[in-house]
Each structure stands twice: as structure tokens, then as C-alpha cells.
């Protein structure tokens, strides 16, 4: 079912009258079907190759493996192996659809080479997600009436920022959720205005939320985009259909919990209510602008990799929101600008919890608004103030000024991005993890009867090395927090043979009595790396004989 209007040829203002592309800074008439535009296909293809080369080079070795990556991949492994929705008790910390997608992405590689189902090896599958997301950034830019070069610039900002290169390599649910939400925006901005495209936008948005629930705060921006790009005669049907599709798909998660009898708390089972309560009551990490807070540390880690995209994109979003009433560019990019504003406002709330991967949700929209702002400046310098009788010398001066601005921006950005990306493609940050995995695989005499506490980044490595999943190689949190594990440890920490004391384990052990005691009553038998990033393999000393010993 479609509207009676032909495909839109330009951004349509609130009055419904088409505005010539030359009348405003930035917007141009994109082709109604990008796949029929050879120039768009060629530019997008070349940029995609560059992005994938940079993101894929050295992907297994940088950045450092994280416990979150290991958790999601281990849960995907459990799905593949038919062991349930998680490698331990699934407790509704996140909707399971995220790692079900990871299981699908890694299914064929894991069938061909089961031992390759480890975090470092399986990061390569995130290139598929990065490629789709980068293409959607370009398509969305064109559908929001950015010139071809500006849409390409936005794609480069999204794909080659050192911050993007680092975070998009990692096996995070946020990267999958961003891909689905970009698809929702792209369908909402469809120039053909098919009602089924808008229904599809609702389905894609719901899929994003079921992948990572925190992305639901972006939904209002999707509705704004759909409102602007739907025809007034079919707008009510489009928005109603999209909202209905989103709600129906989204309700599958609580319905799943209800059918399992795990919607509300009760004796002897986990519940969705408890999972939501945990997420809503997590200890805050402080105000992001307070220099001593954890949130400020997260902000500093983002700016360490790249200041241009976060700060430039935020400034561009604020400018677009301020000029919304009289700027066609601002109205065209209202959805991305609103997304950046909402995410920034949530990050600025006092006392909130700010995870390091939070910025992933903002990256594509920061890139689009920065590209749109750049297009506005270029248009203003080259065309906006040009009069009919302007002399050739003045016209040349305009182009010279534009060239100077471009060179100045490049001189500032390129060296900084070069250093950040060079680190990502050359540094081996995971040598300690690989060495620890090799030691535990070769130096422990009886892996099947040995109990080792590890972070989830190494969990699958040891499963492939012959340790018993779940009760032999133990995700260290579970030694204190999962009754299914603690009931098999009647002597508590004394039933542990080794602790792999990674930075994550050492940091969180203070709140985990069994883990803390096991570290206190152990001695290092092997150490890999130095300083705070070192990994110690510690053998627990008890009055009894350890079940497994080193060769």
C-alpha cells in the first residue's frame, strides 16, 4: 500500500511546498533509488573498502579483550550448543535476541572450526555489522538530502574515527542495536513513502530495542523523522502502523517471561522484574563533568581516542536544533540532531550510570550532523551570499576561502586520526591474554578435574582446552552470585584451584567474598604483562590437595 504521491525529489518543508535545492545550505535532491545511481554506488563502495580495511586490520589484537565481549560470545555459544539462552542461568539482564544474532553470525565459522569460537577470532564477524551500518549511514544521509560528498563524509566520520574503529571492532550488543536503529531511520526517511517502509521502520526499531534495551530512548527521533518524511494524507496510517508494529514486536520479551512464569519475582526462579530493577538501580558513576567521577573517566577515555567526532558532532547537533525554525538543513537532520541531544542529556544526568560503550549509540548521528553542518558552511561560503553581478575575482576568493578551511580542518584532523588508527592496526594489546590461555591449555595436568576462576574473555578459550563448561572453568562472578554454582562449592574458595587474576577480576573481587578469599590465599605461578594490565595465574593454597596441578 502506497501513497498517491510520486517519490519525493527534495526535502519538503512543513507547508508541503517543495523547496529548490539551491535555496538552502546543504540539501540536494537525492536519486529516488540509490541503487540506480552509479556515482553513489561507486563512492559508497570505495569508502566501504577503506573502512573495512582499517577496522579489520589487527582486529583480534586491539583493543584489549573485554569481559562483556566474552559474556555475549559465551551466551551465543550456549545458544549454538543448545544449552539454553546463556552459559549460566539466564536472569533477564538483557533481552536474549542480541546474542542470538551473534550466534547466527558466528554459526558457520564455529561449525568449520569449533576452536575459533573465541573473542579474538570472532571479532571478525563484527565487520559484517560495521559494513551494514556504514552503508546505512550513507543511505540515510542521502535520504536526508545531504549532497553526495557530505553523505560520504559522514560515512567516513562514522567508520574511520579512532573511537569508532576501537568500539565497532568489539562484540557489543550496542553495535548490533545501532545497525537496526539505522535501518529504522532509513526506512522512516524513505523517499517513496511506502506505508510498508514505515511499518518496517517500526519492526526494525523494536528489533533494536530487543537487541539492547537502552536504545529505546532514540525512538522519539525515529518518529520525528517519519513524521517529516511521510505525506500528510497517509501520515496517521504510517505513524500508527509503525508504533503498532514496534509495540507488538517489543511485547514479545515480557510475553516470553510471562509464559515461562518468570515475569514477576517468586521463590526459586529469576524474573524479568528483578532484571529491570537491577538495571534501574545500578550504582551511579557520578556526574560526567565532575573530574573525580567514574563517568568523567569514561568521557576522558572517549576523548582520548577522538575529540573531533564527539565534540564536533555535539556542537553541530545543538546548532541544528537552535536553527530548526528557519533552516531547511536543520529540519532535514532533525532526527539525528534530536538523537544526539537526547543521548547527551541522558549522559549529563547527575548520578547516572555511564558505561564505556554508551557512545556507540551516538556515533552515526554525530557523524551525520557534523557532515550536515560542514555542508552548510561550504554552501554558505561558495553560494549563499553570491550575488548575480559578482565579479570573478570575488568568486575566486570564495573558493580560495573554502579551500583554506578544508586544508586547515584536514591539518587538524588527519594527524590525530592517523595516530589513533595506527595504534589500532599495529598494537598487540592482547598478548597477555593469549599467553595466559596457552599456559592454562598446556601446563595444567588434568583440566577436566580442575576449577579455574576467569573473566569471560577467557572462558571459551578454556572450554576448548578441555575444562568443564560452567563448573570447571567458572566465570568469576558466578562463584559468589549464582546459586547453581555456589552449591557445588561446599568449601567455598577452597574448592577453587586457580584464579586468573585479570584487571577485571582484581577490580571486582572486593565485592565478591569467594573470589577475594581465593586471591588472598593463592600465589602466582605465572604472570603475563606488567603493571595494572598484567594477568596473573594464581594457584590457590589450601590444607587439602588441589584437584589439578601444574606440570
Protein backbone atom coordinates (compact mmCIF):
# COMPACT_ATOMS: atom_id res chain seq x y z
CA UNK A 1 0.00 0.00 0.00
CA UNK A 2 1.49 3.33 -1.00
CA UNK A 3 0.53 6.95 -1.03
CA UNK A 4 -0.64 8.53 -4.26
CA UNK A 5 2.31 10.91 -4.41
CA UNK A 6 5.32 10.13 -6.57
CA UNK A 7 8.73 9.65 -4.99
CA UNK A 8 9.95 12.77 -3.21
CA UNK A 9 12.61 14.71 -5.05
CA UNK A 10 13.70 17.04 -2.29
CA UNK A 11 13.20 17.88 1.34
CA UNK A 12 9.64 19.04 1.92
CA UNK A 13 9.10 21.90 4.38
CA UNK A 14 6.29 21.95 6.88
CA UNK A 15 3.99 23.77 4.43
CA UNK A 16 4.27 20.90 1.97
CA UNK A 17 5.78 23.01 -0.83
CA UNK A 18 8.97 21.61 -2.39
CA UNK A 19 11.97 23.84 -1.91
CA UNK A 20 14.60 24.10 -4.63
CA UNK A 21 17.89 22.58 -3.54
CA UNK A 22 19.77 25.81 -4.26
CA UNK A 23 17.66 27.80 -1.84
CA UNK A 24 19.28 26.42 1.29
CA UNK A 25 22.65 25.29 2.54
CA UNK A 26 23.19 21.63 2.15
CA UNK A 27 20.04 19.81 0.96
CA UNK A 28 20.07 18.45 -2.56
CA UNK A 29 17.78 16.16 -4.48
CA UNK A 30 18.92 12.56 -3.92
CA UNK A 31 18.04 9.91 -6.51
CA UNK A 32 14.76 8.20 -5.74
CA UNK A 33 16.60 4.85 -5.89
CA UNK A 34 20.22 4.95 -4.79
CA UNK A 35 20.92 1.58 -6.37
CA UNK A 36 20.34 3.19 -9.78
CA UNK A 37 22.93 5.92 -9.14
CA UNK A 38 26.35 4.73 -10.29
CA UNK A 39 28.08 7.69 -8.65
CA UNK A 40 26.53 6.90 -5.27
CA UNK A 41 27.30 3.21 -5.58
CA UNK A 42 30.89 3.84 -6.58
CA UNK A 43 31.55 6.36 -3.81
CA UNK A 44 29.87 4.23 -1.16
CA UNK A 45 31.75 1.13 -2.32
CA UNK A 46 35.17 2.79 -2.26
CA UNK A 47 34.59 4.27 1.18
CA UNK A 48 33.34 0.93 2.47
CA UNK A 49 36.53 -0.81 1.36
CA UNK A 50 38.65 1.79 3.17
CA UNK A 51 36.58 1.44 6.34
CA UNK A 52 36.71 -2.34 6.39
CA UNK A 53 40.47 -2.41 5.79
CA UNK A 54 41.13 -0.10 8.72
CA UNK A 55 38.63 -1.75 11.03
CA UNK A 56 39.64 -5.27 10.09
CA UNK A 57 43.42 -4.91 10.25
CA UNK A 58 44.72 -6.24 13.59
CA UNK A 59 41.16 -6.67 14.83
CA UNK A 60 41.95 -9.64 17.11
CA UNK A 61 44.82 -7.86 18.87
CA UNK A 62 43.35 -4.42 19.59
CA UNK A 63 41.63 -3.24 21.71
CA UNK A 64 42.05 -5.35 24.86
CA UNK A 65 39.55 -8.18 25.19
CA UNK A 66 36.71 -7.21 27.50
CA UNK A 67 34.63 -9.28 29.88
CA UNK A 68 31.42 -8.03 28.20
CA UNK A 69 32.59 -9.36 24.84
CA UNK A 70 33.33 -12.73 26.39
CA UNK A 71 29.94 -12.82 28.07
CA UNK A 72 27.97 -12.14 24.89
CA UNK A 73 30.02 -14.62 22.87
CA UNK A 74 29.75 -17.30 25.56
CA UNK A 75 25.98 -16.81 25.61
CA UNK A 76 25.94 -17.11 21.82
CA UNK A 77 27.95 -20.34 22.16
CA UNK A 78 25.35 -21.66 24.62
CA UNK A 79 22.61 -20.93 22.07
CA UNK A 80 24.58 -22.71 19.33
CA UNK A 81 25.21 -25.73 21.54
CA UNK A 82 21.58 -25.98 22.65
CA UNK A 83 22.47 -25.28 26.27
CA UNK A 84 19.89 -22.52 26.71
CA UNK A 85 19.96 -18.75 26.43
CA UNK A 86 23.16 -18.34 28.43
CA UNK A 87 26.17 -20.33 29.61
CA UNK A 88 24.84 -19.90 33.17
CA UNK A 89 21.36 -19.11 34.48
CA UNK A 90 19.70 -16.55 32.21
CA UNK A 91 18.43 -13.83 34.52
CA UNK A 92 16.95 -11.17 32.17
CA UNK A 93 19.87 -8.77 32.39
CA UNK A 94 19.35 -8.03 28.68
CA UNK A 95 16.91 -9.36 26.07
CA UNK A 96 18.46 -12.51 24.56
CA UNK A 97 17.92 -11.51 20.94
CA UNK A 98 21.26 -9.70 20.83
CA UNK A 99 23.42 -12.77 21.38
CA UNK A 100 21.06 -14.91 19.34
CA UNK A 101 22.12 -12.68 16.43
CA UNK A 102 25.77 -13.16 17.42
CA UNK A 103 25.13 -16.92 17.42
CA UNK A 104 23.78 -16.68 13.87
CA UNK A 105 26.74 -14.55 12.74
CA UNK A 106 29.28 -16.97 14.18
CA UNK A 107 27.46 -20.23 13.47
CA UNK A 108 29.21 -21.19 10.23
CA UNK A 109 32.75 -20.26 11.39
CA UNK A 110 32.22 -22.20 14.63
CA UNK A 111 30.99 -25.25 12.68
CA UNK A 112 34.02 -25.17 10.40
CA UNK A 113 36.49 -24.61 13.25
CA UNK A 114 35.00 -25.03 16.75
CA UNK A 115 38.20 -23.84 18.43
CA UNK A 116 37.87 -20.49 16.66
CA UNK A 117 34.85 -19.64 18.82
CA UNK A 118 36.87 -17.23 20.97
CA UNK A 119 36.60 -13.48 21.39
CA UNK A 120 39.67 -12.55 19.35
CA UNK A 121 38.80 -14.77 16.41
CA UNK A 122 35.11 -13.95 16.31
CA UNK A 123 35.61 -10.20 16.33
CA UNK A 124 35.98 -10.50 12.58
CA UNK A 125 32.24 -11.14 12.36
CA UNK A 126 31.63 -7.62 13.64
CA UNK A 127 32.93 -6.38 10.29
CA UNK A 128 29.62 -7.53 8.80
CA UNK A 129 27.75 -5.32 11.25
CA UNK A 130 30.15 -2.41 10.64
CA UNK A 131 29.73 -2.71 6.87
CA UNK A 132 25.92 -2.69 7.04
CA UNK A 133 25.90 0.24 9.46
CA UNK A 134 28.33 2.28 7.34
CA UNK A 135 26.20 1.75 4.22
CA UNK A 136 23.07 2.75 6.13
CA UNK A 137 24.78 5.97 7.30
CA UNK A 138 25.45 6.87 3.67
CA UNK A 139 21.93 5.97 2.51
CA UNK A 140 20.34 7.83 5.42
CA UNK A 141 22.48 10.89 4.68
CA UNK A 142 21.30 10.93 1.08
CA UNK A 143 17.68 10.40 2.11
CA UNK A 144 18.02 13.35 4.45
CA UNK A 145 19.08 15.39 1.41
CA UNK A 146 22.80 15.67 2.12
CA UNK A 147 24.92 16.20 -1.00
CA UNK A 148 26.75 13.12 -2.22
CA UNK A 149 30.10 14.32 -0.89
CA UNK A 150 28.60 15.17 2.51
CA UNK A 151 26.94 11.76 2.83
CA UNK A 152 30.31 10.20 2.01
CA UNK A 153 31.99 12.46 4.54
CA UNK A 154 29.52 11.33 7.18
CA UNK A 155 30.23 7.70 6.30
CA UNK A 156 33.97 8.32 6.71
CA UNK A 157 33.45 10.09 10.03
CA UNK A 158 31.43 7.16 11.27
CA UNK A 159 33.77 4.46 10.03
CA UNK A 160 37.28 5.88 10.42
CA UNK A 161 37.16 7.89 13.64
CA UNK A 162 39.59 6.15 16.03
CA UNK A 163 36.76 5.99 18.55
CA UNK A 164 34.62 4.13 16.01
CA UNK A 165 37.45 1.83 14.93
CA UNK A 166 38.05 0.75 18.53
CA UNK A 167 34.45 0.31 19.64
CA UNK A 168 32.97 -1.13 16.45
CA UNK A 169 35.54 -3.94 16.50
CA UNK A 170 34.24 -5.23 19.80
CA UNK A 171 31.48 -7.79 20.22
CA UNK A 172 28.99 -5.43 21.83
CA UNK A 173 25.21 -5.58 21.66
CA UNK A 174 25.25 -1.82 21.11
CA UNK A 175 26.80 -2.25 17.66
CA UNK A 176 24.01 -4.60 16.60
CA UNK A 177 21.34 -2.33 18.07
CA UNK A 178 22.77 0.67 16.20
CA UNK A 179 22.59 -1.25 12.93
CA UNK A 180 18.89 -1.97 13.45
CA UNK A 181 18.10 1.57 14.55
CA UNK A 182 19.88 2.99 11.50
CA UNK A 183 17.68 0.73 9.38
CA UNK A 184 14.63 2.14 11.19
CA UNK A 185 15.74 5.71 10.41
CA UNK A 186 16.47 4.81 6.79
CA UNK A 187 13.04 3.24 6.29
CA UNK A 188 11.35 6.14 8.08
CA UNK A 189 13.03 8.56 5.64
CA UNK A 190 12.11 6.51 2.55
CA UNK A 191 11.61 8.88 -0.41
CA UNK A 192 9.00 6.56 -1.94
CA UNK A 193 6.81 6.92 1.18
CA UNK A 194 5.57 3.35 1.07
CA UNK A 195 3.48 2.62 4.13
CA UNK A 196 5.19 -0.76 4.39
CA UNK A 197 8.51 1.04 4.72
CA UNK A 198 7.13 2.82 7.76
CA UNK A 199 5.79 -0.41 9.21
CA UNK A 200 9.25 -1.86 8.57
CA UNK A 201 10.78 1.06 10.46
CA UNK A 202 8.68 0.13 13.48
CA UNK A 203 9.77 -3.50 13.24
CA UNK A 204 13.43 -2.52 12.88
CA UNK A 205 13.17 -0.15 15.87
CA UNK A 206 11.64 -2.91 18.00
CA UNK A 207 14.41 -5.28 16.92
CA UNK A 208 16.97 -2.68 18.02
CA UNK A 209 15.33 -2.44 21.45
CA UNK A 210 15.22 -6.25 21.78
CA UNK A 211 18.92 -6.25 20.94
CA UNK A 212 19.91 -3.63 23.55
CA UNK A 213 17.03 -2.21 25.54
CA UNK A 214 18.74 1.10 26.39
CA UNK A 215 18.43 2.26 22.77
CA UNK A 216 14.68 2.77 23.22
CA UNK A 217 15.41 6.41 24.15
CA UNK A 218 16.13 7.00 20.44
CA UNK A 219 12.59 6.04 19.38
CA UNK A 220 11.17 9.61 19.53
CA UNK A 221 13.78 10.72 16.97
CA UNK A 222 12.66 7.93 14.62
CA UNK A 223 9.07 9.20 14.92
CA UNK A 224 10.21 12.76 14.18
CA UNK A 225 11.97 11.54 11.03
CA UNK A 226 8.93 9.54 9.95
CA UNK A 227 6.61 12.48 10.59
CA UNK A 228 8.69 14.74 8.38
CA UNK A 229 9.08 12.24 5.55
CA UNK A 230 5.55 10.86 5.40
CA UNK A 231 2.84 12.52 3.33
CA UNK A 232 0.19 14.34 5.29
CA UNK A 233 -2.59 12.29 3.68
CA UNK A 234 -1.13 8.99 4.93
CA UNK A 235 0.84 10.25 7.95
CA UNK A 236 -1.62 8.95 10.54
CA UNK A 237 -1.60 5.49 8.98
CA UNK A 238 2.20 5.49 8.72
CA UNK A 239 2.85 6.54 12.31
CA UNK A 240 0.09 4.34 13.74
CA UNK A 241 1.36 1.34 11.79
CA UNK A 242 4.94 1.91 12.85
CA UNK A 243 4.06 2.35 16.53
CA UNK A 244 1.80 -0.71 16.47
CA UNK A 245 4.46 -2.86 14.82
CA UNK A 246 7.05 -1.65 17.31
CA UNK A 247 4.86 -2.37 20.32
CA UNK A 248 3.74 -5.81 19.12
CA UNK A 249 7.30 -6.95 18.44
CA UNK A 250 8.61 -5.36 21.63
CA UNK A 251 5.96 -7.06 23.78
CA UNK A 252 7.36 -10.45 22.81
CA UNK A 253 10.02 -10.07 25.53
CA UNK A 254 7.68 -9.69 28.53
CA UNK A 255 5.37 -12.29 26.93
CA UNK A 256 8.30 -14.72 26.82
CA UNK A 257 8.92 -14.12 30.53
CA UNK A 258 5.22 -14.49 31.32
CA UNK A 259 4.94 -17.84 29.51
CA UNK A 260 7.97 -19.12 31.44
CA UNK A 261 6.44 -17.97 34.73
CA UNK A 262 9.31 -15.53 35.22
CA UNK A 263 7.66 -12.16 34.70
CA UNK A 264 7.36 -11.35 38.42
CA UNK A 265 9.60 -12.28 41.37
CA UNK A 266 8.97 -15.57 43.11
CA UNK A 267 10.69 -18.31 45.03
CA UNK A 268 13.24 -20.42 43.20
CA UNK A 269 13.35 -18.54 39.88
CA UNK A 270 14.67 -15.43 38.22
CA UNK A 271 12.30 -12.76 36.89
CA UNK A 272 12.11 -10.01 34.31
CA UNK A 273 11.04 -7.63 37.06
CA UNK A 274 14.23 -8.30 39.01
CA UNK A 275 16.33 -7.86 35.88
CA UNK A 276 14.75 -4.49 35.11
CA UNK A 277 15.02 -3.46 38.76
CA UNK A 278 18.73 -4.29 38.75
CA UNK A 279 19.35 -2.22 35.62
CA UNK A 280 17.38 0.74 37.00
CA UNK A 281 19.08 0.71 40.42
CA UNK A 282 22.70 0.16 39.42
CA UNK A 283 25.10 2.35 41.39
CA UNK A 284 25.70 5.61 39.57
CA UNK A 285 29.11 6.54 38.22
CA UNK A 286 28.78 10.23 39.09
CA UNK A 287 28.34 13.44 37.13
CA UNK A 288 30.16 13.36 33.82
CA UNK A 289 31.71 16.81 34.34
CA UNK A 290 32.97 16.02 37.85
CA UNK A 291 36.68 15.37 37.41
CA UNK A 292 36.74 12.71 40.12
CA UNK A 293 33.78 10.64 38.92
CA UNK A 294 33.70 7.39 37.03
CA UNK A 295 31.56 8.99 34.32
CA UNK A 296 34.21 11.64 33.77
CA UNK A 297 36.77 8.88 33.38
CA UNK A 298 34.59 7.31 30.69
CA UNK A 299 34.32 10.67 28.93
CA UNK A 300 38.10 11.07 29.06
CA UNK A 301 38.52 7.61 27.54
CA UNK A 302 36.30 8.63 24.61
CA UNK A 303 38.15 11.89 24.09
CA UNK A 304 41.48 10.08 24.35
CA UNK A 305 40.67 8.30 21.11
CA UNK A 306 38.93 11.16 19.32
CA UNK A 307 37.78 14.67 20.21
CA UNK A 308 36.64 15.70 16.73
CA UNK A 309 33.62 13.45 16.26
CA UNK A 310 32.09 13.66 19.77
CA UNK A 311 32.62 17.38 20.35
CA UNK A 312 32.14 18.48 16.73
CA UNK A 313 29.03 16.35 16.36
CA UNK A 314 27.56 17.63 19.61
CA UNK A 315 28.17 21.25 18.59
CA UNK A 316 26.62 20.55 15.18
CA UNK A 317 23.54 18.96 16.77
CA UNK A 318 23.00 21.92 19.09
CA UNK A 319 23.39 24.34 16.18
CA UNK A 320 20.84 22.43 14.10
CA UNK A 321 18.33 22.37 16.95
CA UNK A 322 18.73 26.11 17.55
CA UNK A 323 18.28 26.96 13.85
CA UNK A 324 15.47 24.46 13.27
CA UNK A 325 12.75 27.03 12.53
CA UNK A 326 14.47 28.79 9.64
CA UNK A 327 16.96 26.24 8.30
CA UNK A 328 15.95 23.51 5.86
CA UNK A 329 19.21 21.72 6.69
CA UNK A 330 18.27 21.68 10.37
CA UNK A 331 14.80 20.34 9.63
CA UNK A 332 16.18 17.67 7.31
CA UNK A 333 18.56 16.47 10.02
CA UNK A 334 16.10 16.91 12.89
CA UNK A 335 16.05 13.17 13.68
CA UNK A 336 19.84 12.69 14.02
CA UNK A 337 20.20 16.03 15.85
CA UNK A 338 17.45 15.08 18.32
CA UNK A 339 19.11 11.70 18.87
CA UNK A 340 22.42 13.34 19.77
CA UNK A 341 20.67 15.81 22.08
CA UNK A 342 18.71 13.09 23.91
CA UNK A 343 21.76 10.85 24.35
CA UNK A 344 23.83 13.81 25.56
CA UNK A 345 21.15 14.86 28.04
CA UNK A 346 20.93 11.34 29.45
CA UNK A 347 24.72 11.18 29.82
CA UNK A 348 24.66 14.51 31.69
CA UNK A 349 22.13 13.44 34.31
CA UNK A 350 23.69 13.63 37.78
CA UNK A 351 24.40 10.31 39.45
CA UNK A 352 23.57 8.15 36.44
CA UNK A 353 25.45 5.07 35.32
CA UNK A 354 27.56 5.64 32.19
CA UNK A 355 29.11 2.56 30.54
CA UNK A 356 32.03 2.89 28.16
CA UNK A 357 30.04 1.56 25.19
CA UNK A 358 27.26 4.14 25.60
CA UNK A 359 28.78 6.44 22.97
CA UNK A 360 28.37 3.73 20.31
CA UNK A 361 24.68 4.62 20.09
CA UNK A 362 25.55 8.22 19.20
CA UNK A 363 28.36 7.67 16.67
CA UNK A 364 26.33 7.54 13.41
CA UNK A 365 24.23 10.55 14.33
CA UNK A 366 27.25 12.58 15.45
CA UNK A 367 28.76 11.82 12.04
CA UNK A 368 25.63 12.85 10.14
CA UNK A 369 25.10 16.16 11.93
CA UNK A 370 28.79 17.04 11.64
CA UNK A 371 28.69 16.25 7.92
CA UNK A 372 25.49 18.27 7.55
CA UNK A 373 26.99 21.23 9.38
CA UNK A 374 30.06 21.06 7.17
CA UNK A 375 27.86 21.03 4.09
CA UNK A 376 26.05 24.14 5.35
CA UNK A 377 29.33 26.00 5.88
CA UNK A 378 30.64 25.02 2.45
CA UNK A 379 27.40 26.04 0.78
CA UNK A 380 27.37 29.34 2.63
CA UNK A 381 30.92 30.18 1.62
CA UNK A 382 30.52 29.15 -2.01
CA UNK A 383 26.94 30.05 -2.90
CA UNK A 384 24.65 31.57 -0.30
CA UNK A 385 25.98 35.12 -0.36
CA UNK A 386 26.80 35.19 -4.05
CA UNK A 387 25.05 37.95 -5.99
CA UNK A 388 24.13 37.91 -9.67
CA UNK A 389 26.70 40.52 -10.70
CA UNK A 390 29.54 39.26 -8.52
CA UNK A 391 32.98 39.70 -10.07
CA UNK A 392 35.11 36.72 -10.99
CA UNK A 393 37.83 37.77 -8.52
CA UNK A 394 35.41 37.68 -5.60
CA UNK A 395 34.09 34.32 -6.71
CA UNK A 396 37.66 33.01 -6.80
CA UNK A 397 38.16 34.37 -3.31
CA UNK A 398 35.20 32.35 -2.07
CA UNK A 399 36.64 29.14 -3.47
CA UNK A 400 40.05 30.02 -2.04
CA UNK A 401 38.49 30.54 1.39
CA UNK A 402 36.70 27.18 1.13
CA UNK A 403 40.00 25.52 0.18
CA UNK A 404 41.80 27.16 3.12
CA UNK A 405 39.10 25.99 5.53
CA UNK A 406 39.27 22.46 4.14
CA UNK A 407 43.06 22.33 4.39
CA UNK A 408 43.00 23.74 7.94
CA UNK A 409 40.42 21.17 9.03
CA UNK A 410 42.41 18.38 7.40
CA UNK A 411 45.64 19.55 9.02
CA UNK A 412 43.97 19.35 12.41
CA UNK A 413 42.07 16.09 11.98
CA UNK A 414 44.26 13.85 9.84
CA UNK A 415 47.36 13.66 12.10
CA UNK A 416 45.23 12.89 15.16
CA UNK A 417 43.18 10.26 13.40
CA UNK A 418 46.29 8.79 11.82
CA UNK A 419 47.89 8.25 15.22
CA UNK A 420 44.73 6.74 16.69
CA UNK A 421 44.11 4.42 13.76
CA UNK A 422 47.82 3.49 13.53
CA UNK A 423 47.67 2.31 17.13
CA UNK A 424 44.60 0.22 16.34
CA UNK A 425 46.23 -1.51 13.37
CA UNK A 426 49.68 -2.12 14.89
CA UNK A 427 49.49 -2.63 18.67
CA UNK A 428 49.01 -6.07 20.24
CA UNK A 429 47.09 -5.35 23.44
CA UNK A 430 46.03 -8.97 23.95
CA UNK A 431 49.40 -10.72 24.21
CA UNK A 432 48.91 -11.32 28.00
CA UNK A 433 45.51 -12.94 27.40
CA UNK A 434 46.87 -15.18 24.66
CA UNK A 435 49.84 -16.20 26.80
CA UNK A 436 47.61 -16.98 29.78
CA UNK A 437 45.31 -19.08 27.59
CA UNK A 438 48.27 -21.01 26.21
CA UNK A 439 49.69 -21.64 29.71
CA UNK A 440 46.40 -22.95 31.07
CA UNK A 441 45.98 -25.15 27.99
CA UNK A 442 49.43 -26.74 28.25
CA UNK A 443 50.63 -26.59 31.86
CA UNK A 444 47.66 -27.90 33.85
CA UNK A 445 47.74 -31.70 34.11
CA UNK A 446 44.06 -32.52 34.47
CA UNK A 447 41.84 -29.78 33.02
CA UNK A 448 38.66 -31.84 33.41
CA UNK A 449 39.08 -32.04 37.18
CA UNK A 450 40.44 -28.50 37.69
CA UNK A 451 38.44 -25.48 38.75
CA UNK A 452 39.57 -22.11 37.47
CA UNK A 453 38.07 -18.68 38.08
CA UNK A 454 38.37 -16.48 34.97
CA UNK A 455 36.75 -13.46 33.41
CA UNK A 456 34.54 -14.24 30.45
CA UNK A 457 37.13 -13.03 27.94
CA UNK A 458 38.99 -16.35 28.52
CA UNK A 459 36.02 -18.58 29.30
CA UNK A 460 35.59 -20.08 25.83
CA UNK A 461 39.36 -20.48 25.37
CA UNK A 462 39.43 -22.82 28.35
CA UNK A 463 36.29 -24.67 27.28
CA UNK A 464 38.07 -25.51 24.03
CA UNK A 465 41.15 -26.52 26.07
CA UNK A 466 39.17 -29.24 27.86
CA UNK A 467 37.91 -27.59 31.04
CA UNK A 468 34.32 -28.35 32.04
CA UNK A 469 31.97 -25.57 30.95
CA UNK A 470 30.34 -23.77 33.82
CA UNK A 471 31.64 -25.76 36.79
CA UNK A 472 35.26 -26.35 35.78
CA UNK A 473 36.03 -23.03 34.14
CA UNK A 474 33.93 -20.59 36.15
CA UNK A 475 33.04 -17.02 35.25
CA UNK A 476 34.30 -15.43 38.46
CA UNK A 477 31.07 -13.55 39.30
CA UNK A 478 29.20 -16.86 39.49
CA UNK A 479 31.41 -18.18 42.31
CA UNK A 480 29.54 -15.78 44.60
CA UNK A 481 26.34 -14.77 42.82
CA UNK A 482 24.89 -17.88 41.14
CA UNK A 483 23.33 -20.48 43.49
CA UNK A 484 23.70 -23.13 40.77
CA UNK A 485 27.48 -22.70 41.09
CA UNK A 486 27.89 -21.95 44.78
CA UNK A 487 26.01 -25.10 45.82
CA UNK A 488 28.74 -27.15 44.08
CA UNK A 489 31.37 -25.37 46.24
CA UNK A 490 30.63 -26.57 49.80
CA UNK A 491 34.06 -25.39 50.98
CA UNK A 492 33.74 -22.01 49.25
CA UNK A 493 37.03 -20.62 47.95
CA UNK A 494 38.85 -23.81 48.99
CA UNK A 495 37.16 -25.63 46.10
CA UNK A 496 38.98 -23.39 43.62
CA UNK A 497 42.32 -24.49 42.14
CA UNK A 498 43.37 -21.45 40.12
CA UNK A 499 42.38 -17.82 39.75
CA UNK A 500 43.23 -15.98 36.53
CA UNK A 501 43.58 -12.52 38.04
CA UNK A 502 42.99 -10.19 35.13
CA UNK A 503 42.43 -6.47 35.71
CA UNK A 504 38.66 -7.07 35.74
CA UNK A 505 38.90 -9.85 38.32
CA UNK A 506 41.20 -7.85 40.60
CA UNK A 507 38.95 -4.78 40.37
CA UNK A 508 35.66 -6.53 41.16
CA UNK A 509 36.96 -9.08 43.68
CA UNK A 510 36.50 -6.60 46.55
CA UNK A 511 32.73 -7.17 46.41
CA UNK A 512 32.91 -10.96 45.89
CA UNK A 513 33.90 -12.86 49.08
CA UNK A 514 34.83 -16.19 47.48
CA UNK A 515 36.86 -14.55 44.71
CA UNK A 516 38.57 -12.20 47.15
CA UNK A 517 39.48 -15.05 49.51
CA UNK A 518 40.75 -17.22 46.66
CA UNK A 519 43.09 -14.42 45.54
CA UNK A 520 44.26 -13.79 49.12
CA UNK A 521 45.07 -17.48 49.64
CA UNK A 522 46.88 -18.00 46.36
CA UNK A 523 50.34 -17.48 44.95
CA UNK A 524 51.29 -16.50 41.38
CA UNK A 525 52.62 -19.34 39.26
CA UNK A 526 52.75 -17.34 36.01
CA UNK A 527 52.45 -13.66 35.17
CA UNK A 528 51.96 -12.15 31.74
CA UNK A 529 52.27 -8.45 31.05
CA UNK A 530 53.26 -5.74 33.50
CA UNK A 531 51.65 -3.08 35.63
CA UNK A 532 47.90 -2.69 36.02
CA UNK A 533 47.22 -4.62 32.79
CA UNK A 534 49.08 -7.76 33.87
CA UNK A 535 47.38 -11.15 34.08
CA UNK A 536 48.39 -13.39 36.96
CA UNK A 537 47.65 -17.10 37.10
CA UNK A 538 47.41 -17.78 40.81
CA UNK A 539 47.27 -21.26 42.37
CA UNK A 540 45.04 -21.45 45.43
CA UNK A 541 46.76 -22.83 48.53
CA UNK A 542 44.55 -24.96 50.79
CA UNK A 543 45.16 -27.55 53.50
CA UNK A 544 43.99 -30.23 51.10
CA UNK A 545 45.41 -31.30 47.77
CA UNK A 546 44.36 -29.35 44.73
CA UNK A 547 42.35 -31.29 42.20
CA UNK A 548 44.59 -30.25 39.37
CA UNK A 549 48.22 -29.28 39.41
CA UNK A 550 50.70 -27.64 37.11
CA UNK A 551 53.05 -29.84 35.17
